[in-house]
């Protein structure tokens, strides 16, 4: 049913098989859009269609309907019974509890069944089934106290989550965050305390990043040792290096030229180290901070110390020092 709903809308149904659509703007009471009674449909799930038509999809226990302003415009038959249904984020597929043998995956446009996920239910209680793992998993309840997790594309059972020893698990939902995926399950028993179980799984990208941390730390350590060797080499040859001012290591040779110094004037070992250092850092932006230092341990005083701070893409900062000596 097309509701002409805006960004903030709500849709509900009641025991009288009535579909109601409301709008709200946080400024006042709910604004009724329309209300329609479906004579032959027992609503199980309602979904807003995020297409240009802005239809409302009503999944009924025995049928499904689409309509405009309360007038039904299309009806699709997805099976004998629908216990629950959920639509994927792209709104091209939907899952449903078919009540008979488990769950099934259907195309949204024509309700054709693509794949089934058998759970062999003991009784025909309606159970929620949802997408999980960024639409790669099918997660649904049972009447035996467990939650089933299937691979959506292959249809294979990946895991059985034990929620309770017995009883119906009719309430199931999932959440996919940046770092973790969650599965929630709740018991549906009238004569017992309600129980909610939560399962957590780290995203694969986060796990891989954690595995790479020791290697990254080793690389940073080696880089720091190389930088220290370069600085010590430059300190050992104070007479060979004149006062310099450089905006970035990428154009250090150009800065040498401005001060009438040439790389060939440096000792070979220092020149090679400096060339390698510049090549490794070419193109990276450096901030410069200058601090005068008086050092009496050398025949010629230290003119300045220039600290370079690399700006990496992830905004982390790796500080290193280039010590420049001169008369």
Protein backbone atom coordinates (compact mmCIF):
# COMPACT_ATOMS: atom_id res chain seq x y z
CA UNK A 1 0.00 0.00 0.00
CA UNK A 2 1.41 3.35 -0.91
CA UNK A 3 1.33 5.47 2.19
CA UNK A 4 2.92 8.71 0.97
CA UNK A 5 5.06 8.34 4.08
CA UNK A 6 7.91 10.70 4.71
CA UNK A 7 11.15 10.06 6.54
CA UNK A 8 9.52 9.61 9.95
CA UNK A 9 6.60 7.22 9.57
CA UNK A 10 5.25 4.29 11.47
CA UNK A 11 3.07 1.39 10.43
CA UNK A 12 1.18 -1.01 12.66
CA UNK A 13 -1.45 -3.71 12.56
CA UNK A 14 -3.86 -5.14 15.10
CA UNK A 15 -5.97 -8.21 15.77
CA UNK A 16 -8.73 -6.88 13.52
CA UNK A 17 -6.44 -7.39 10.49
CA UNK A 18 -6.15 -3.62 10.14
CA UNK A 19 -3.14 -1.81 8.67
CA UNK A 20 -2.57 1.75 9.90
CA UNK A 21 0.05 4.26 8.74
CA UNK A 22 1.04 7.30 10.80
CA UNK A 23 3.48 10.17 10.33
CA UNK A 24 5.36 12.05 13.05
CA UNK A 25 7.78 14.99 13.12
CA UNK A 26 8.77 15.13 16.82
CA UNK A 27 6.72 18.32 17.24
CA UNK A 28 3.27 17.01 18.04
CA UNK A 29 0.91 14.05 18.00
CA UNK A 30 0.93 11.32 15.38
CA UNK A 31 -0.72 12.25 12.09
CA UNK A 32 -2.88 9.48 10.57
CA UNK A 33 -2.20 8.78 6.89
CA UNK A 34 -4.63 5.96 6.26
CA UNK A 35 -6.16 2.89 7.84
CA UNK A 36 -7.45 -0.15 5.99
CA UNK A 37 -8.90 -3.46 7.08
CA UNK A 38 -7.78 -6.53 5.13
CA UNK A 39 -10.69 -8.93 5.11
CA UNK A 40 -8.77 -12.13 4.34
CA UNK A 41 -5.21 -11.31 5.45
CA UNK A 42 -3.68 -11.99 8.86
CA UNK A 43 -0.62 -9.68 8.90
CA UNK A 44 2.66 -11.19 10.12
CA UNK A 45 5.26 -8.65 8.94
CA UNK A 46 5.14 -5.17 7.42
CA UNK A 47 7.96 -3.55 5.47
CA UNK A 48 8.38 -0.08 3.96
CA UNK A 49 9.49 -0.34 0.34
CA UNK A 50 12.28 2.22 -0.25
CA UNK A 51 11.62 2.55 -3.98
CA UNK A 52 10.07 5.41 -5.93
CA UNK A 53 6.63 3.82 -5.47
CA UNK A 54 6.99 3.86 -1.67
CA UNK A 55 4.69 0.87 -1.33
CA UNK A 56 4.06 -0.95 1.92
CA UNK A 57 4.61 -4.69 1.83
CA UNK A 58 2.29 -6.72 4.04
CA UNK A 59 3.26 -10.35 4.60
CA UNK A 60 0.15 -12.22 5.73
CA UNK A 61 -0.03 -15.64 7.33
CA UNK A 62 -1.79 -17.07 4.29
CA UNK A 63 -0.98 -14.49 1.61
CA UNK A 64 0.87 -11.27 0.91
CA UNK A 65 -0.48 -8.01 -0.45
CA UNK A 66 0.67 -4.66 -1.82
CA UNK A 67 -1.56 -1.63 -2.09
CA UNK A 68 -1.99 2.11 -2.65
CA UNK A 69 -3.82 4.21 -0.07
CA UNK A 70 -5.53 1.13 1.29
CA UNK A 71 -6.44 -0.32 -2.10
CA UNK A 72 -4.67 -3.60 -2.85
CA UNK A 73 -2.64 -3.34 -6.08
CA UNK A 74 -0.95 -6.74 -6.15
CA UNK A 75 -1.00 -10.11 -4.43
CA UNK A 76 1.76 -12.74 -4.50
CA UNK A 77 1.58 -16.27 -3.15
CA UNK A 78 4.86 -17.32 -1.52
CA UNK A 79 3.66 -20.60 -0.04
CA UNK A 80 0.96 -22.23 2.05
CA UNK A 81 1.81 -20.37 5.29
CA UNK A 82 3.99 -17.45 6.42
CA UNK A 83 5.02 -17.42 10.07
CA UNK A 84 7.36 -14.44 9.69
CA UNK A 85 9.18 -12.58 6.92
CA UNK A 86 12.10 -10.15 6.62
CA UNK A 87 13.42 -8.16 3.65
CA UNK A 88 17.12 -7.65 2.90
CA UNK A 89 18.72 -4.19 2.84
CA UNK A 90 18.77 -4.08 -0.96
CA UNK A 91 15.07 -5.00 -1.04
CA UNK A 92 15.48 -7.66 -3.69
CA UNK A 93 15.04 -10.75 -1.48
CA UNK A 94 12.99 -11.80 1.50
CA UNK A 95 13.19 -14.63 4.01
CA UNK A 96 10.18 -16.32 5.50
CA UNK A 97 9.32 -18.96 8.04
CA UNK A 98 7.20 -21.30 5.95
CA UNK A 99 6.02 -23.09 9.14
CA UNK A 100 6.15 -26.44 7.36
CA UNK A 101 9.83 -27.48 7.06
CA UNK A 102 11.86 -24.41 8.08
CA UNK A 103 12.84 -21.23 6.26
CA UNK A 104 12.92 -20.20 2.61
CA UNK A 105 14.50 -17.44 0.50
CA UNK A 106 12.39 -15.69 -2.15
CA UNK A 107 12.69 -12.96 -4.75
CA UNK A 108 10.77 -9.90 -3.65
CA UNK A 109 9.36 -8.94 -7.03
CA UNK A 110 7.58 -12.23 -7.84
CA UNK A 111 7.88 -14.30 -4.60
CA UNK A 112 9.63 -17.16 -6.43
CA UNK A 113 11.45 -19.47 -3.99
CA UNK A 114 15.23 -19.53 -4.52
CA UNK A 115 16.42 -21.73 -1.66
CA UNK A 116 15.11 -23.55 1.40
CA UNK A 117 16.71 -24.12 4.81
CA UNK A 118 15.29 -27.18 6.52
CA UNK A 119 15.00 -27.24 10.32
CA UNK A 120 12.51 -30.12 10.65
CA UNK A 121 10.21 -28.36 13.14
CA UNK A 122 8.32 -30.52 15.62
CA UNK A 123 5.33 -28.18 15.80
CA UNK A 124 4.11 -25.48 13.43
CA UNK A 125 4.72 -22.45 15.63
CA UNK A 126 5.61 -19.22 13.77
CA UNK A 127 9.27 -18.25 14.27
CA UNK A 128 11.22 -15.15 13.29
CA UNK A 129 13.90 -15.49 10.61
CA UNK A 130 16.27 -12.65 9.64
CA UNK A 131 19.37 -11.87 7.59
CA UNK A 132 22.68 -11.71 9.45
CA UNK A 133 26.40 -11.29 8.84
CA UNK A 134 25.78 -8.46 6.37
CA UNK A 135 23.18 -10.50 4.46
CA UNK A 136 25.42 -13.59 4.15
CA UNK A 137 23.63 -15.63 6.84
CA UNK A 138 20.10 -16.81 7.55
CA UNK A 139 19.30 -16.79 11.28
CA UNK A 140 16.05 -18.22 12.62
CA UNK A 141 14.38 -19.64 15.70
CA UNK A 142 12.99 -23.07 16.50
CA UNK A 143 10.63 -24.97 18.79
CA UNK A 144 13.47 -26.92 20.43
CA UNK A 145 15.36 -24.15 22.27
CA UNK A 146 18.00 -23.47 19.58
CA UNK A 147 18.76 -20.87 16.92
CA UNK A 148 19.82 -22.03 13.47
CA UNK A 149 22.48 -20.21 11.43
CA UNK A 150 22.63 -21.08 7.71
CA UNK A 151 24.85 -19.92 4.87
CA UNK A 152 22.47 -17.89 2.72
CA UNK A 153 23.98 -18.76 -0.66
CA UNK A 154 24.93 -22.39 -0.09
CA UNK A 155 22.02 -23.35 2.14
CA UNK A 156 24.29 -25.30 4.51
CA UNK A 157 23.89 -25.27 8.28
CA UNK A 158 26.85 -23.36 9.75
CA UNK A 159 26.03 -23.37 13.46
CA UNK A 160 23.38 -24.26 16.03
CA UNK A 161 23.22 -21.84 18.97
CA UNK A 162 21.84 -23.33 22.19
CA UNK A 163 19.49 -20.85 23.82
CA UNK A 164 17.57 -23.16 26.16
CA UNK A 165 17.11 -26.85 26.81
CA UNK A 166 13.55 -26.79 25.51
CA UNK A 167 10.90 -24.32 24.47
CA UNK A 168 10.13 -22.07 21.57
CA UNK A 169 12.64 -19.49 20.34
CA UNK A 170 10.26 -17.35 18.31
CA UNK A 171 11.99 -13.98 18.71
CA UNK A 172 15.27 -13.54 16.81
CA UNK A 173 17.09 -10.48 15.51
CA UNK A 174 20.61 -9.54 14.38
CA UNK A 175 22.88 -6.50 14.35
CA UNK A 176 25.93 -5.89 12.15
CA UNK A 177 28.33 -3.27 13.53
CA UNK A 178 31.74 -2.11 12.33
CA UNK A 179 33.64 -4.37 14.69
CA UNK A 180 31.14 -7.06 15.71
CA UNK A 181 28.06 -8.96 14.60
CA UNK A 182 25.41 -9.83 17.17
CA UNK A 183 22.60 -12.39 17.29
CA UNK A 184 19.75 -12.03 19.80
CA UNK A 185 17.31 -14.76 20.78
CA UNK A 186 14.42 -14.80 23.24
CA UNK A 187 12.27 -17.55 24.75
CA UNK A 188 8.53 -17.51 24.11
CA UNK A 189 6.99 -19.50 26.97
CA UNK A 190 3.96 -18.38 28.98
CA UNK A 191 4.77 -20.24 32.20
CA UNK A 192 8.48 -19.36 32.57
CA UNK A 193 10.72 -16.35 33.06
CA UNK A 194 11.66 -14.66 29.77
CA UNK A 195 15.27 -15.29 28.77
CA UNK A 196 17.33 -13.36 26.22
CA UNK A 197 20.59 -14.72 24.81
CA UNK A 198 23.19 -12.69 22.90
CA UNK A 199 25.97 -14.09 20.73
CA UNK A 200 28.86 -11.93 19.53
CA UNK A 201 31.31 -12.48 16.67
CA UNK A 202 34.19 -10.25 15.57
CA UNK A 203 34.13 -9.07 11.97
CA UNK A 204 36.70 -10.76 9.74
CA UNK A 205 38.37 -7.45 8.85
CA UNK A 206 38.88 -6.64 12.55
CA UNK A 207 40.36 -10.07 13.24
CA UNK A 208 42.80 -9.74 10.34
CA UNK A 209 43.83 -6.29 11.55
CA UNK A 210 44.54 -7.70 15.02
CA UNK A 211 46.64 -10.47 13.49
CA UNK A 212 48.77 -7.88 11.67
CA UNK A 213 49.54 -5.78 14.76
CA UNK A 214 52.74 -7.66 15.77
CA UNK A 215 54.11 -7.29 12.23
CA UNK A 216 53.31 -3.56 12.19
CA UNK A 217 55.05 -3.11 15.54
CA UNK A 218 58.15 -4.90 14.22
CA UNK A 219 58.22 -2.69 11.12
CA UNK A 220 58.00 0.44 13.26
CA UNK A 221 60.85 -0.79 15.47
CA UNK A 222 63.12 -1.53 12.49
CA UNK A 223 62.33 1.84 10.95
CA UNK A 224 63.24 3.58 14.20
CA UNK A 225 66.61 1.76 14.32
CA UNK A 226 67.40 2.85 10.74
CA UNK A 227 66.54 6.45 11.54
CA UNK A 228 68.78 6.35 14.63
CA UNK A 229 71.70 5.01 12.57
CA UNK A 230 71.26 7.85 10.07
CA UNK A 231 71.25 10.46 12.80
CA UNK A 232 74.37 8.97 14.42
CA UNK A 233 76.15 8.93 11.07
CA UNK A 234 75.40 12.61 10.56
CA UNK A 235 76.60 13.46 14.07
CA UNK A 236 79.89 11.66 13.39
CA UNK A 237 80.67 14.01 10.47
CA UNK A 238 79.84 17.52 11.72
CA UNK A 239 82.33 19.29 9.47
CA UNK A 240 80.89 17.86 6.31
CA UNK A 241 77.38 19.24 6.76
CA UNK A 242 76.49 22.91 6.62
CA UNK A 243 73.44 24.68 8.04
CA UNK A 244 70.29 23.59 6.26
CA UNK A 245 66.62 24.43 6.28
CA UNK A 246 64.28 22.01 4.57
CA UNK A 247 60.53 21.93 4.12
CA UNK A 248 60.33 18.21 3.42
CA UNK A 249 62.71 15.31 2.96
CA UNK A 250 61.41 14.82 -0.56
CA UNK A 251 63.20 17.93 -1.86
CA UNK A 252 66.30 17.85 0.33
CA UNK A 253 68.69 17.97 -2.66
CA UNK A 254 67.00 21.12 -3.90
CA UNK A 255 67.51 22.68 -0.49
CA UNK A 256 71.19 21.69 -0.57
CA UNK A 257 71.54 23.60 -3.83
CA UNK A 258 70.06 26.73 -2.33
CA UNK A 259 72.84 26.75 0.25
CA UNK A 260 75.58 25.96 -2.29
CA UNK A 261 76.20 22.49 -0.91
CA UNK A 262 76.30 19.36 -3.01
CA UNK A 263 75.59 15.76 -2.04
CA UNK A 264 78.94 14.76 -3.48
CA UNK A 265 80.59 16.87 -0.78
CA UNK A 266 79.35 14.41 1.84
CA UNK A 267 81.24 11.25 2.80
CA UNK A 268 80.08 8.26 0.76
CA UNK A 269 78.58 6.32 3.68
CA UNK A 270 76.59 9.32 4.96
CA UNK A 271 75.44 10.25 1.44
CA UNK A 272 74.17 6.72 0.74
CA UNK A 273 72.29 6.59 4.02
CA UNK A 274 70.73 9.98 3.41
CA UNK A 275 69.76 9.09 -0.16
CA UNK A 276 68.05 5.93 1.05
CA UNK A 277 66.29 7.84 3.79
CA UNK A 278 65.01 10.44 1.34
CA UNK A 279 63.84 7.81 -1.13
CA UNK A 280 61.93 5.97 1.59
CA UNK A 281 60.22 9.18 2.70
CA UNK A 282 59.69 10.80 -0.70
CA UNK A 283 56.35 12.49 -1.05
CA UNK A 284 55.34 12.39 2.62
CA UNK A 285 54.40 15.65 4.27
CA UNK A 286 56.46 16.70 7.25
CA UNK A 287 55.89 19.35 9.85
CA UNK A 288 59.04 21.16 10.93
CA UNK A 289 59.91 22.44 14.40
CA UNK A 290 63.27 24.09 15.03
CA UNK A 291 65.04 24.16 18.39
CA UNK A 292 68.52 25.67 18.99
CA UNK A 293 70.89 23.44 20.93
CA UNK A 294 74.33 24.23 22.36
CA UNK A 295 76.44 21.10 22.39
CA UNK A 296 80.03 21.41 23.64
CA UNK A 297 81.01 17.86 22.86
CA UNK A 298 81.85 18.68 19.23
CA UNK A 299 84.48 20.92 17.72
CA UNK A 300 81.67 22.77 15.92
CA UNK A 301 78.40 23.49 17.75
CA UNK A 302 75.10 21.95 16.78
CA UNK A 303 73.23 24.63 14.91
CA UNK A 304 69.73 23.17 15.04
CA UNK A 305 67.64 20.06 15.44
CA UNK A 306 64.76 19.62 13.03
CA UNK A 307 61.99 17.30 14.11
CA UNK A 308 59.91 15.70 11.37
CA UNK A 309 56.42 14.44 12.10
CA UNK A 310 54.96 12.22 9.43
CA UNK A 311 51.26 12.64 8.69
CA UNK A 312 49.97 9.21 7.79
CA UNK A 313 46.62 8.47 6.18
CA UNK A 314 45.13 7.12 9.37
CA UNK A 315 46.03 10.35 11.22
CA UNK A 316 48.41 8.50 13.52
CA UNK A 317 51.71 10.29 14.08
CA UNK A 318 55.15 8.75 13.95
CA UNK A 319 57.80 11.18 15.18
CA UNK A 320 61.40 10.94 14.06
CA UNK A 321 64.35 13.35 14.29
CA UNK A 322 66.77 14.60 11.66
CA UNK A 323 69.78 16.19 13.36
CA UNK A 324 71.53 18.84 11.28
CA UNK A 325 74.94 20.15 12.26
CA UNK A 326 76.77 23.22 11.09
CA UNK A 327 79.17 25.99 12.00
